[in-house]
Amino acid sequence: MVLRHGLILWVLMAFVTRLQGHSRVIMTSRHRPVILVEKAVWLALGPLPDNEARLFLQSHQVLNQLWHSDDRHLVSKVLKISHGHPLIMQRLGDLAHDREALAEALSRLEEKGFI
C-alpha cells in the first residue's frame, strides 16, 4: 500500500508542479512533499470550533436524526470523542445508520481513553 500511495503522490506532484496560470489544486496530506514547499500555500487543518461542529452535526442527516431522538447521548459522545475534527465526526457519522454499531464503536473508543 505504501508503494501505491507513493506512486499516486509522485504522479500528483508531477501534475501540480507543471500547472501554470490561475489553476488551483487542493490536496490534503499528513506530509509536506519537499517538491511543493516553495510552490504551495499550506493551511493547517484542525478541529472545528464548537458552534461549527454543531452545524456539521445538524447537516449530517443521520446524526441530526439521532440528536432529535432518545439516543441523543450517542451524538454527544461523537462530539466529545471527535473534539470537533470533521473527519472523525464523518467516520463516526457513517456508523450512525446502525445505532448498535455506533454505540459499540463509541464504547471501544471510551475504553481506550478517548473521552
PDB file of N, CA and C in Angstrom:
ATOM      1  N   MET A   1       0.829  -1.197   0.000  1.00  0.00           N
ATOM      2  CA  MET A   1       0.000   0.000   0.000  1.00  0.00           C
ATOM      3  C   MET A   1       0.871   1.257   0.000  1.00  0.00           C
ATOM      4  N   VAL A   2       1.995   1.204   0.708  1.00  0.00           N
ATOM      5  CA  VAL A   2       2.871   2.369   0.756  1.00  0.00           C
ATOM      6  C   VAL A   2       3.404   2.696  -0.628  1.00  0.00           C
ATOM      7  N   LEU A   3       3.804   1.671  -1.370  1.00  0.00           N
ATOM      8  CA  LEU A   3       4.311   1.898  -2.720  1.00  0.00           C
ATOM      9  C   LEU A   3       3.226   2.521  -3.590  1.00  0.00           C
ATOM     10  N   ARG A   4       2.023   1.993  -3.498  1.00  0.00           N
ATOM     11  CA  ARG A   4       0.923   2.542  -4.289  1.00  0.00           C
ATOM     12  C   ARG A   4       0.670   3.993  -3.905  1.00  0.00           C
ATOM     13  N   HIS A   5       0.623   4.278  -2.593  1.00  0.00           N
ATOM     14  CA  HIS A   5       0.417   5.651  -2.126  1.00  0.00           C
ATOM     15  C   HIS A   5       1.542   6.542  -2.626  1.00  0.00           C
ATOM     16  N   GLY A   6       2.774   6.049  -2.567  1.00  0.00           N
ATOM     17  CA  GLY A   6       3.919   6.819  -3.037  1.00  0.00           C
ATOM     18  C   GLY A   6       3.841   7.116  -4.515  1.00  0.00           C
ATOM     19  N   LEU A   7       3.402   6.134  -5.298  1.00  0.00           N
ATOM     20  CA  LEU A   7       3.264   6.323  -6.733  1.00  0.00           C
ATOM     21  C   LEU A   7       2.187   7.353  -7.046  1.00  0.00           C
ATOM     22  N   ILE A   8       1.066   7.255  -6.371  1.00  0.00           N
ATOM     23  CA  ILE A   8      -0.019   8.226  -6.563  1.00  0.00           C
ATOM     24  C   ILE A   8       0.473   9.623  -6.200  1.00  0.00           C
ATOM     25  N   LEU A   9       1.169   9.749  -5.088  1.00  0.00           N
ATOM     26  CA  LEU A   9       1.692  11.040  -4.663  1.00  0.00           C
ATOM     27  C   LEU A   9       2.689  11.578  -5.688  1.00  0.00           C
ATOM     28  N   TRP A  10       3.537  10.717  -6.237  1.00  0.00           N
ATOM     29  CA  TRP A  10       4.512  11.139  -7.230  1.00  0.00           C
ATOM     30  C   TRP A  10       3.806  11.680  -8.473  1.00  0.00           C
ATOM     31  N   VAL A  11       2.766  10.986  -8.934  1.00  0.00           N
ATOM     32  CA  VAL A  11       2.013  11.433 -10.115  1.00  0.00           C
ATOM     33  C   VAL A  11       1.350  12.781  -9.828  1.00  0.00           C
ATOM     34  N   LEU A  12       0.758  12.929  -8.647  1.00  0.00           N
ATOM     35  CA  LEU A  12       0.148  14.216  -8.287  1.00  0.00           C
ATOM     36  C   LEU A  12       1.177  15.330  -8.262  1.00  0.00           C
ATOM     37  N   MET A  13       2.333  15.069  -7.689  1.00  0.00           N
ATOM     38  CA  MET A  13       3.379  16.089  -7.625  1.00  0.00           C
ATOM     39  C   MET A  13       3.818  16.500  -9.025  1.00  0.00           C
ATOM     40  N   ALA A  14       3.971  15.534  -9.906  1.00  0.00           N
ATOM     41  CA  ALA A  14       4.370  15.842 -11.285  1.00  0.00           C
ATOM     42  C   ALA A  14       3.318  16.717 -11.955  1.00  0.00           C
ATOM     43  N   PHE A  15       2.067  16.413 -11.739  1.00  0.00           N
ATOM     44  CA  PHE A  15       0.974  17.206 -12.311  1.00  0.00           C
ATOM     45  C   PHE A  15       0.948  18.615 -11.732  1.00  0.00           C
ATOM     46  N   VAL A  16       0.985  18.730 -10.418  1.00  0.00           N
ATOM     47  CA  VAL A  16       0.862  20.027  -9.744  1.00  0.00           C
ATOM     48  C   VAL A  16       2.021  20.942 -10.073  1.00  0.00           C
ATOM     49  N   THR A  17       3.221  20.400 -10.170  1.00  0.00           N
ATOM     50  CA  THR A  17       4.386  21.260 -10.434  1.00  0.00           C
ATOM     51  C   THR A  17       4.403  21.795 -11.858  1.00  0.00           C
ATOM     52  N   ARG A  18       3.581  21.249 -12.732  1.00  0.00           N
ATOM     53  CA  ARG A  18       3.530  21.724 -14.122  1.00  0.00           C
ATOM     54  C   ARG A  18       2.361  22.669 -14.392  1.00  0.00           C
ATOM     55  N   LEU A  19       1.533  22.905 -13.406  1.00  0.00           N
ATOM     56  CA  LEU A  19       0.398  23.810 -13.589  1.00  0.00           C
ATOM     57  C   LEU A  19       0.890  25.237 -13.803  1.00  0.00           C
ATOM     58  N   GLN A  20       0.218  25.942 -14.679  1.00  0.00           N
ATOM     59  CA  GLN A  20       0.556  27.332 -14.919  1.00  0.00           C
ATOM     60  C   GLN A  20      -0.724  28.150 -14.929  1.00  0.00           C
ATOM     61  N   GLY A  21      -0.587  29.441 -14.829  1.00  0.00           N
ATOM     62  CA  GLY A  21      -1.752  30.310 -14.895  1.00  0.00           C
ATOM     63  C   GLY A  21      -2.493  30.356 -13.573  1.00  0.00           C
ATOM     64  N   HIS A  22      -3.805  30.348 -13.663  1.00  0.00           N
ATOM     65  CA  HIS A  22      -4.646  30.501 -12.480  1.00  0.00           C
ATOM     66  C   HIS A  22      -5.202  29.178 -11.964  1.00  0.00           C
ATOM     67  N   SER A  23      -4.565  28.094 -12.308  1.00  0.00           N
ATOM     68  CA  SER A  23      -5.036  26.775 -11.863  1.00  0.00           C
ATOM     69  C   SER A  23      -4.874  26.635 -10.357  1.00  0.00           C
ATOM     70  N   ARG A  24      -5.809  25.933  -9.753  1.00  0.00           N
ATOM     71  CA  ARG A  24      -5.763  25.681  -8.316  1.00  0.00           C
ATOM     72  C   ARG A  24      -6.025  24.205  -8.077  1.00  0.00           C
ATOM     73  N   VAL A  25      -5.297  23.644  -7.156  1.00  0.00           N
ATOM     74  CA  VAL A  25      -5.496  22.263  -6.746  1.00  0.00           C
ATOM     75  C   VAL A  25      -5.483  22.253  -5.229  1.00  0.00           C
ATOM     76  N   ILE A  26      -6.465  21.583  -4.644  1.00  0.00           N
ATOM     77  CA  ILE A  26      -6.477  21.410  -3.192  1.00  0.00           C
ATOM     78  C   ILE A  26      -6.114  19.962  -2.919  1.00  0.00           C
ATOM     79  N   MET A  27      -5.127  19.792  -2.072  1.00  0.00           N
ATOM     80  CA  MET A  27      -4.657  18.460  -1.742  1.00  0.00           C
ATOM     81  C   MET A  27      -4.470  18.387  -0.233  1.00  0.00           C
ATOM     82  N   THR A  28      -4.898  17.312   0.352  1.00  0.00           N
ATOM     83  CA  THR A  28      -4.662  17.129   1.778  1.00  0.00           C
ATOM     84  C   THR A  28      -3.649  16.009   1.948  1.00  0.00           C
ATOM     85  N   SER A  29      -2.797  16.180   2.936  1.00  0.00           N
ATOM     86  CA  SER A  29      -1.765  15.189   3.193  1.00  0.00           C
ATOM     87  C   SER A  29      -1.255  15.361   4.623  1.00  0.00           C
ATOM     88  N   ARG A  30      -0.818  14.280   5.202  1.00  0.00           N
ATOM     89  CA  ARG A  30      -0.194  14.362   6.522  1.00  0.00           C
ATOM     90  C   ARG A  30       1.255  14.823   6.399  1.00  0.00           C
ATOM     91  N   HIS A  31       1.778  14.753   5.194  1.00  0.00           N
ATOM     92  CA  HIS A  31       3.186  15.082   4.963  1.00  0.00           C
ATOM     93  C   HIS A  31       3.287  16.219   3.953  1.00  0.00           C
ATOM     94  N   ARG A  32       4.304  17.031   4.118  1.00  0.00           N
ATOM     95  CA  ARG A  32       4.567  18.110   3.163  1.00  0.00           C
ATOM     96  C   ARG A  32       5.602  17.633   2.156  1.00  0.00           C
ATOM     97  N   PRO A  33       5.181  17.355   0.929  1.00  0.00           N
ATOM     98  CA  PRO A  33       6.151  16.916  -0.076  1.00  0.00           C
ATOM     99  C   PRO A  33       7.174  18.022  -0.343  1.00  0.00           C
ATOM    100  N   VAL A  34       8.436  17.674  -0.301  1.00  0.00           N
ATOM    101  CA  VAL A  34       9.517  18.642  -0.454  1.00  0.00           C
ATOM    102  C   VAL A  34       9.391  19.422  -1.756  1.00  0.00           C
ATOM    103  N   ILE A  35       8.959  18.753  -2.808  1.00  0.00           N
ATOM    104  CA  ILE A  35       8.869  19.399  -4.120  1.00  0.00           C
ATOM    105  C   ILE A  35       7.879  20.566  -4.125  1.00  0.00           C
ATOM    106  N   LEU A  36       6.931  20.589  -3.185  1.00  0.00           N
ATOM    107  CA  LEU A  36       5.917  21.645  -3.166  1.00  0.00           C
ATOM    108  C   LEU A  36       6.149  22.720  -2.112  1.00  0.00           C
ATOM    109  N   VAL A  37       7.192  22.611  -1.335  1.00  0.00           N
ATOM    110  CA  VAL A  37       7.402  23.541  -0.226  1.00  0.00           C
ATOM    111  C   VAL A  37       7.368  24.997  -0.686  1.00  0.00           C
ATOM    112  N   GLU A  38       8.012  25.305  -1.787  1.00  0.00           N
ATOM    113  CA  GLU A  38       8.060  26.693  -2.269  1.00  0.00           C
ATOM    114  C   GLU A  38       6.918  27.030  -3.224  1.00  0.00           C
ATOM    115  N   LYS A  39       6.108  26.060  -3.587  1.00  0.00           N
ATOM    116  CA  LYS A  39       5.097  26.268  -4.611  1.00  0.00           C
ATOM    117  C   LYS A  39       3.671  26.192  -4.100  1.00  0.00           C
ATOM    118  N   ALA A  40       3.509  25.960  -2.818  1.00  0.00           N
ATOM    119  CA  ALA A  40       2.150  25.739  -2.300  1.00  0.00           C
ATOM    120  C   ALA A  40       1.899  26.589  -1.065  1.00  0.00           C
ATOM    121  N   VAL A  41       0.639  26.870  -0.861  1.00  0.00           N
ATOM    122  CA  VAL A  41       0.194  27.530   0.376  1.00  0.00           C
ATOM    123  C   VAL A  41      -0.247  26.422   1.315  1.00  0.00           C
ATOM    124  N   TRP A  42       0.301  26.419   2.520  1.00  0.00           N
ATOM    125  CA  TRP A  42      -0.024  25.377   3.499  1.00  0.00           C
ATOM    126  C   TRP A  42      -1.025  25.912   4.493  1.00  0.00           C
ATOM    127  N   LEU A  43      -2.107  25.195   4.664  1.00  0.00           N
ATOM    128  CA  LEU A  43      -3.119  25.552   5.644  1.00  0.00           C
ATOM    129  C   LEU A  43      -3.218  24.424   6.664  1.00  0.00           C
ATOM    130  N   ALA A  44      -2.990  24.765   7.907  1.00  0.00           N
ATOM    131  CA  ALA A  44      -3.124  23.752   8.957  1.00  0.00           C
ATOM    132  C   ALA A  44      -4.604  23.517   9.226  1.00  0.00           C
ATOM    133  N   LEU A  45      -4.996  22.270   9.202  1.00  0.00           N
ATOM    134  CA  LEU A  45      -6.379  21.925   9.483  1.00  0.00           C
ATOM    135  C   LEU A  45      -6.456  21.348  10.886  1.00  0.00           C
ATOM    136  N   GLY A  46      -7.477  21.708  11.579  1.00  0.00           N
ATOM    137  CA  GLY A  46      -7.651  21.207  12.935  1.00  0.00           C
ATOM    138  C   GLY A  46      -9.117  21.059  13.247  1.00  0.00           C
ATOM    139  N   PRO A  47      -9.432  21.037  14.510  1.00  0.00           N
ATOM    140  CA  PRO A  47     -10.834  20.857  14.897  1.00  0.00           C
ATOM    141  C   PRO A  47     -11.662  22.090  14.574  1.00  0.00           C
ATOM    142  N   LEU A  48     -12.945  21.842  14.392  1.00  0.00           N
ATOM    143  CA  LEU A  48     -13.887  22.942  14.195  1.00  0.00           C
ATOM    144  C   LEU A  48     -14.216  23.567  15.541  1.00  0.00           C
ATOM    145  N   PRO A  49     -14.486  24.864  15.565  1.00  0.00           N
ATOM    146  CA  PRO A  49     -14.995  25.469  16.798  1.00  0.00           C
ATOM    147  C   PRO A  49     -16.325  24.796  17.161  1.00  0.00           C
ATOM    148  N   ASP A  50     -16.697  24.849  18.432  1.00  0.00           N
ATOM    149  CA  ASP A  50     -17.906  24.160  18.906  1.00  0.00           C
ATOM    150  C   ASP A  50     -19.142  24.470  18.071  1.00  0.00           C
ATOM    151  N   ASN A  51     -19.351  25.758  17.765  1.00  0.00           N
ATOM    152  CA  ASN A  51     -20.562  26.108  17.012  1.00  0.00           C
ATOM    153  C   ASN A  51     -20.546  25.513  15.601  1.00  0.00           C
ATOM    154  N   GLU A  52     -19.378  25.437  14.966  1.00  0.00           N
ATOM    155  CA  GLU A  52     -19.291  24.852  13.635  1.00  0.00           C
ATOM    156  C   GLU A  52     -19.401  23.331  13.683  1.00  0.00           C
ATOM    157  N   ALA A  53     -18.900  22.722  14.744  1.00  0.00           N
ATOM    158  CA  ALA A  53     -19.053  21.275  14.914  1.00  0.00           C
ATOM    159  C   ALA A  53     -20.538  20.928  15.043  1.00  0.00           C
ATOM    160  N   ARG A  54     -21.265  21.752  15.765  1.00  0.00           N
ATOM    161  CA  ARG A  54     -22.711  21.515  15.893  1.00  0.00           C
ATOM    162  C   ARG A  54     -23.423  21.686  14.544  1.00  0.00           C
ATOM    163  N   LEU A  55     -22.977  22.682  13.757  1.00  0.00           N
ATOM    164  CA  LEU A  55     -23.550  22.860  12.417  1.00  0.00           C
ATOM    165  C   LEU A  55     -23.279  21.636  11.542  1.00  0.00           C
ATOM    166  N   PHE A  56     -22.081  21.091  11.672  1.00  0.00           N
ATOM    167  CA  PHE A  56     -21.740  19.879  10.937  1.00  0.00           C
ATOM    168  C   PHE A  56     -22.706  18.764  11.308  1.00  0.00           C
ATOM    169  N   LEU A  57     -22.928  18.583  12.597  1.00  0.00           N
ATOM    170  CA  LEU A  57     -23.831  17.527  13.048  1.00  0.00           C
ATOM    171  C   LEU A  57     -25.254  17.758  12.560  1.00  0.00           C
ATOM    172  N   GLN A  58     -25.683  19.011  12.541  1.00  0.00           N
ATOM    173  CA  GLN A  58     -27.023  19.317  12.052  1.00  0.00           C
ATOM    174  C   GLN A  58     -27.160  19.010  10.560  1.00  0.00           C
ATOM    175  N   SER A  59     -26.075  19.190   9.818  1.00  0.00           N
ATOM    176  CA  SER A  59     -26.131  18.956   8.374  1.00  0.00           C
ATOM    177  C   SER A  59     -25.973  17.477   8.025  1.00  0.00           C
ATOM    178  N   HIS A  60     -25.538  16.666   8.971  1.00  0.00           N
ATOM    179  CA  HIS A  60     -25.407  15.227   8.754  1.00  0.00           C
ATOM    180  C   HIS A  60     -26.760  14.592   9.063  1.00  0.00           C
ATOM    181  N   GLN A  61     -27.437  14.102   8.044  1.00  0.00           N
ATOM    182  CA  GLN A  61     -28.820  13.661   8.185  1.00  0.00           C
ATOM    183  C   GLN A  61     -29.018  12.657   9.322  1.00  0.00           C
ATOM    184  N   VAL A  62     -28.209  11.615   9.377  1.00  0.00           N
ATOM    185  CA  VAL A  62     -28.426  10.562  10.367  1.00  0.00           C
ATOM    186  C   VAL A  62     -28.069  11.047  11.767  1.00  0.00           C
ATOM    187  N   LEU A  63     -26.962  11.780  11.907  1.00  0.00           N
ATOM    188  CA  LEU A  63     -26.609  12.309  13.232  1.00  0.00           C
ATOM    189  C   LEU A  63     -27.650  13.306  13.717  1.00  0.00           C
ATOM    190  N   ASN A  64     -28.174  14.098  12.812  1.00  0.00           N
ATOM    191  CA  ASN A  64     -29.223  15.056  13.180  1.00  0.00           C
ATOM    192  C   ASN A  64     -30.477  14.321  13.658  1.00  0.00           C
ATOM    193  N   GLN A  65     -30.831  13.244  12.983  1.00  0.00           N
ATOM    194  CA  GLN A  65     -31.980  12.444  13.421  1.00  0.00           C
ATOM    195  C   GLN A  65     -31.736  11.843  14.798  1.00  0.00           C
ATOM    196  N   LEU A  66     -30.508  11.362  15.018  1.00  0.00           N
ATOM    197  CA  LEU A  66     -30.170  10.814  16.341  1.00  0.00           C
ATOM    198  C   LEU A  66     -30.260  11.884  17.420  1.00  0.00           C
ATOM    199  N   TRP A  67     -29.827  13.096  17.087  1.00  0.00           N
ATOM    200  CA  TRP A  67     -29.850  14.201  18.053  1.00  0.00           C
ATOM    201  C   TRP A  67     -31.282  14.465  18.536  1.00  0.00           C
ATOM    202  N   HIS A  68     -32.231  14.269  17.645  1.00  0.00           N
ATOM    203  CA  HIS A  68     -33.639  14.534  17.972  1.00  0.00           C
ATOM    204  C   HIS A  68     -34.383  13.254  18.369  1.00  0.00           C
ATOM    205  N   SER A  69     -33.644  12.277  18.872  1.00  0.00           N
ATOM    206  CA  SER A  69     -34.256  11.014  19.283  1.00  0.00           C
ATOM    207  C   SER A  69     -33.881  10.721  20.737  1.00  0.00           C
ATOM    208  N   ASP A  70     -34.285   9.562  21.198  1.00  0.00           N
ATOM    209  CA  ASP A  70     -33.928   9.131  22.551  1.00  0.00           C
ATOM    210  C   ASP A  70     -32.451   8.772  22.669  1.00  0.00           C
ATOM    211  N   ASP A  71     -31.760   8.649  21.526  1.00  0.00           N
ATOM    212  CA  ASP A  71     -30.339   8.298  21.533  1.00  0.00           C
ATOM    213  C   ASP A  71     -29.432   9.516  21.370  1.00  0.00           C
ATOM    214  N   ARG A  72     -29.895  10.644  21.831  1.00  0.00           N
ATOM    215  CA  ARG A  72     -29.133  11.897  21.734  1.00  0.00           C
ATOM    216  C   ARG A  72     -27.748  11.769  22.383  1.00  0.00           C
ATOM    217  N   HIS A  73     -27.660  10.938  23.415  1.00  0.00           N
ATOM    218  CA  HIS A  73     -26.384  10.753  24.113  1.00  0.00           C
ATOM    219  C   HIS A  73     -25.287  10.233  23.181  1.00  0.00           C
ATOM    220  N   LEU A  74     -25.670   9.473  22.139  1.00  0.00           N
ATOM    221  CA  LEU A  74     -24.673   8.985  21.186  1.00  0.00           C
ATOM    222  C   LEU A  74     -24.025  10.133  20.423  1.00  0.00           C
ATOM    223  N   VAL A  75     -24.822  11.107  20.050  1.00  0.00           N
ATOM    224  CA  VAL A  75     -24.292  12.269  19.323  1.00  0.00           C
ATOM    225  C   VAL A  75     -23.410  13.103  20.252  1.00  0.00           C
ATOM    226  N   SER A  76     -23.793  13.220  21.506  1.00  0.00           N
ATOM    227  CA  SER A  76     -22.955  13.931  22.476  1.00  0.00           C
ATOM    228  C   SER A  76     -21.590  13.260  22.597  1.00  0.00           C
ATOM    229  N   LYS A  77     -21.581  11.931  22.582  1.00  0.00           N
ATOM    230  CA  LYS A  77     -20.311  11.197  22.652  1.00  0.00           C
ATOM    231  C   LYS A  77     -19.483  11.414  21.387  1.00  0.00           C
ATOM    232  N   VAL A  78     -20.151  11.482  20.230  1.00  0.00           N
ATOM    233  CA  VAL A  78     -19.430  11.757  18.983  1.00  0.00           C
ATOM    234  C   VAL A  78     -18.704  13.092  19.094  1.00  0.00           C
ATOM    235  N   LEU A  79     -19.388  14.095  19.624  1.00  0.00           N
ATOM    236  CA  LEU A  79     -18.762  15.414  19.806  1.00  0.00           C
ATOM    237  C   LEU A  79     -17.589  15.344  20.768  1.00  0.00           C
ATOM    238  N   LYS A  80     -17.772  14.636  21.878  1.00  0.00           N
ATOM    239  CA  LYS A  80     -16.701  14.545  22.879  1.00  0.00           C
ATOM    240  C   LYS A  80     -15.479  13.815  22.334  1.00  0.00           C
ATOM    241  N   ILE A  81     -15.718  12.705  21.662  1.00  0.00           N
ATOM    242  CA  ILE A  81     -14.602  11.908  21.151  1.00  0.00           C
ATOM    243  C   ILE A  81     -13.881  12.614  20.007  1.00  0.00           C
ATOM    244  N   SER A  82     -14.629  13.239  19.123  1.00  0.00           N
ATOM    245  CA  SER A  82     -14.031  13.856  17.930  1.00  0.00           C
ATOM    246  C   SER A  82     -13.313  15.165  18.221  1.00  0.00           C
ATOM    247  N   HIS A  83     -13.679  15.817  19.321  1.00  0.00           N
ATOM    248  CA  HIS A  83     -13.116  17.139  19.644  1.00  0.00           C
ATOM    249  C   HIS A  83     -13.294  18.111  18.483  1.00  0.00           C
ATOM    250  N   GLY A  84     -14.356  17.895  17.691  1.00  0.00           N
ATOM    251  CA  GLY A  84     -14.646  18.806  16.589  1.00  0.00           C
ATOM    252  C   GLY A  84     -13.898  18.530  15.301  1.00  0.00           C
ATOM    253  N   HIS A  85     -13.163  17.417  15.221  1.00  0.00           N
ATOM    254  CA  HIS A  85     -12.465  17.097  13.976  1.00  0.00           C
ATOM    255  C   HIS A  85     -13.472  16.543  12.974  1.00  0.00           C
ATOM    256  N   PRO A  86     -13.675  17.230  11.838  1.00  0.00           N
ATOM    257  CA  PRO A  86     -14.716  16.826  10.893  1.00  0.00           C
ATOM    258  C   PRO A  86     -14.544  15.413  10.350  1.00  0.00           C
ATOM    259  N   LEU A  87     -13.322  14.982  10.093  1.00  0.00           N
ATOM    260  CA  LEU A  87     -13.124  13.642   9.539  1.00  0.00           C
ATOM    261  C   LEU A  87     -13.563  12.580  10.550  1.00  0.00           C
ATOM    262  N   ILE A  88     -13.239  12.791  11.813  1.00  0.00           N
ATOM    263  CA  ILE A  88     -13.651  11.834  12.851  1.00  0.00           C
ATOM    264  C   ILE A  88     -15.166  11.854  12.997  1.00  0.00           C
ATOM    265  N   MET A  89     -15.770  13.047  12.975  1.00  0.00           N
ATOM    266  CA  MET A  89     -17.226  13.132  13.065  1.00  0.00           C
ATOM    267  C   MET A  89     -17.870  12.427  11.871  1.00  0.00           C
ATOM    268  N   GLN A  90     -17.298  12.587  10.691  1.00  0.00           N
ATOM    269  CA  GLN A  90     -17.847  11.944   9.495  1.00  0.00           C
ATOM    270  C   GLN A  90     -17.737  10.431   9.603  1.00  0.00           C
ATOM    271  N   ARG A  91     -16.582   9.937  10.039  1.00  0.00           N
ATOM    272  CA  ARG A  91     -16.391   8.484  10.148  1.00  0.00           C
ATOM    273  C   ARG A  91     -17.362   7.880  11.162  1.00  0.00           C
ATOM    274  N   LEU A  92     -17.525   8.540  12.304  1.00  0.00           N
ATOM    275  CA  LEU A  92     -18.486   8.053  13.289  1.00  0.00           C
ATOM    276  C   LEU A  92     -19.911   8.218  12.771  1.00  0.00           C
ATOM    277  N   GLY A  93     -20.158   9.300  12.058  1.00  0.00           N
ATOM    278  CA  GLY A  93     -21.473   9.517  11.466  1.00  0.00           C
ATOM    279  C   GLY A  93     -21.826   8.453  10.442  1.00  0.00           C
ATOM    280  N   ASP A  94     -20.811   7.921   9.754  1.00  0.00           N
ATOM    281  CA  ASP A  94     -21.059   6.850   8.782  1.00  0.00           C
ATOM    282  C   ASP A  94     -21.596   5.589   9.461  1.00  0.00           C
ATOM    283  N   LEU A  95     -21.312   5.449  10.746  1.00  0.00           N
ATOM    284  CA  LEU A  95     -21.824   4.298  11.507  1.00  0.00           C
ATOM    285  C   LEU A  95     -23.212   4.549  12.083  1.00  0.00           C
ATOM    286  N   ALA A  96     -23.658   5.788  12.068  1.00  0.00           N
ATOM    287  CA  ALA A  96     -24.870   6.187  12.791  1.00  0.00           C
ATOM    288  C   ALA A  96     -26.149   5.568  12.237  1.00  0.00           C
ATOM    289  N   HIS A  97     -26.130   5.080  11.007  1.00  0.00           N
ATOM    290  CA  HIS A  97     -27.329   4.422  10.475  1.00  0.00           C
ATOM    291  C   HIS A  97     -27.633   3.139  11.246  1.00  0.00           C
ATOM    292  N   ASP A  98     -26.609   2.586  11.895  1.00  0.00           N
ATOM    293  CA  ASP A  98     -26.767   1.401  12.735  1.00  0.00           C
ATOM    294  C   ASP A  98     -26.403   1.815  14.168  1.00  0.00           C
ATOM    295  N   ARG A  99     -27.396   2.133  14.948  1.00  0.00           N
ATOM    296  CA  ARG A  99     -27.160   2.673  16.289  1.00  0.00           C
ATOM    297  C   ARG A  99     -26.320   1.737  17.148  1.00  0.00           C
ATOM    298  N   GLU A 100     -26.520   0.448  17.010  1.00  0.00           N
ATOM    299  CA  GLU A 100     -25.733  -0.509  17.789  1.00  0.00           C
ATOM    300  C   GLU A 100     -24.256  -0.459  17.399  1.00  0.00           C
ATOM    301  N   ALA A 101     -23.979  -0.361  16.094  1.00  0.00           N
ATOM    302  CA  ALA A 101     -22.591  -0.280  15.623  1.00  0.00           C
ATOM    303  C   ALA A 101     -21.942   1.002  16.121  1.00  0.00           C
ATOM    304  N   LEU A 102     -22.676   2.110  16.089  1.00  0.00           N
ATOM    305  CA  LEU A 102     -22.141   3.375  16.586  1.00  0.00           C
ATOM    306  C   LEU A 102     -21.886   3.284  18.081  1.00  0.00           C
ATOM    307  N   ALA A 103     -22.847   2.757  18.837  1.00  0.00           N
ATOM    308  CA  ALA A 103     -22.691   2.628  20.292  1.00  0.00           C
ATOM    309  C   ALA A 103     -21.497   1.745  20.621  1.00  0.00           C
ATOM    310  N   GLU A 104     -21.317   0.665  19.865  1.00  0.00           N
ATOM    311  CA  GLU A 104     -20.185  -0.233  20.100  1.00  0.00           C
ATOM    312  C   GLU A 104     -18.857   0.467  19.812  1.00  0.00           C
ATOM    313  N   ALA A 105     -18.792   1.188  18.705  1.00  0.00           N
ATOM    314  CA  ALA A 105     -17.561   1.919  18.357  1.00  0.00           C
ATOM    315  C   ALA A 105     -17.248   2.979  19.407  1.00  0.00           C
ATOM    316  N   LEU A 106     -18.260   3.695  19.860  1.00  0.00           N
ATOM    317  CA  LEU A 106     -18.054   4.720  20.892  1.00  0.00           C
ATOM    318  C   LEU A 106     -17.589   4.086  22.200  1.00  0.00           C
ATOM    319  N   SER A 107     -18.141   2.932  22.541  1.00  0.00           N
ATOM    320  CA  SER A 107     -17.725   2.230  23.769  1.00  0.00           C
ATOM    321  C   SER A 107     -16.261   1.804  23.678  1.00  0.00           C
ATOM    322  N   ARG A 108     -15.856   1.275  22.514  1.00  0.00           N
ATOM    323  CA  ARG A 108     -14.455   0.884  22.333  1.00  0.00           C
ATOM    324  C   ARG A 108     -13.529   2.097  22.469  1.00  0.00           C
ATOM    325  N   LEU A 109     -13.944   3.221  21.895  1.00  0.00           N
ATOM    326  CA  LEU A 109     -13.125   4.433  21.998  1.00  0.00           C
ATOM    327  C   LEU A 109     -13.057   4.936  23.436  1.00  0.00           C
ATOM    328  N   GLU A 110     -14.167   4.815  24.159  1.00  0.00           N
ATOM    329  CA  GLU A 110     -14.181   5.199  25.585  1.00  0.00           C
ATOM    330  C   GLU A 110     -13.225   4.309  26.381  1.00  0.00           C
ATOM    331  N   GLU A 111     -13.274   3.007  26.111  1.00  0.00           N
ATOM    332  CA  GLU A 111     -12.398   2.052  26.808  1.00  0.00           C
ATOM    333  C   GLU A 111     -10.928   2.378  26.569  1.00  0.00           C
ATOM    334  N   LYS A 112     -10.625   2.922  25.410  1.00  0.00           N
ATOM    335  CA  LYS A 112      -9.241   3.274  25.082  1.00  0.00           C
ATOM    336  C   LYS A 112      -8.851   4.665  25.579  1.00  0.00           C
ATOM    337  N   GLY A 113      -9.799   5.338  26.252  1.00  0.00           N
ATOM    338  CA  GLY A 113      -9.472   6.618  26.860  1.00  0.00           C
ATOM    339  C   GLY A 113      -9.677   7.843  25.986  1.00  0.00           C
ATOM    340  N   PHE A 114     -10.468   7.754  24.943  1.00  0.00           N
ATOM    341  CA  PHE A 114     -10.665   8.901  24.063  1.00  0.00           C
ATOM    342  C   PHE A 114     -11.696   9.885  24.577  1.00  0.00           C
ATOM    343  N   ILE A 115     -12.370   9.554  25.673  1.00  0.00           N
ATOM    344  CA  ILE A 115     -13.299  10.517  26.288  1.00  0.00           C
ATOM    345  C   ILE A 115     -12.750  10.884  27.637  1.00  0.00           C
TER     346      ILE A 115
END
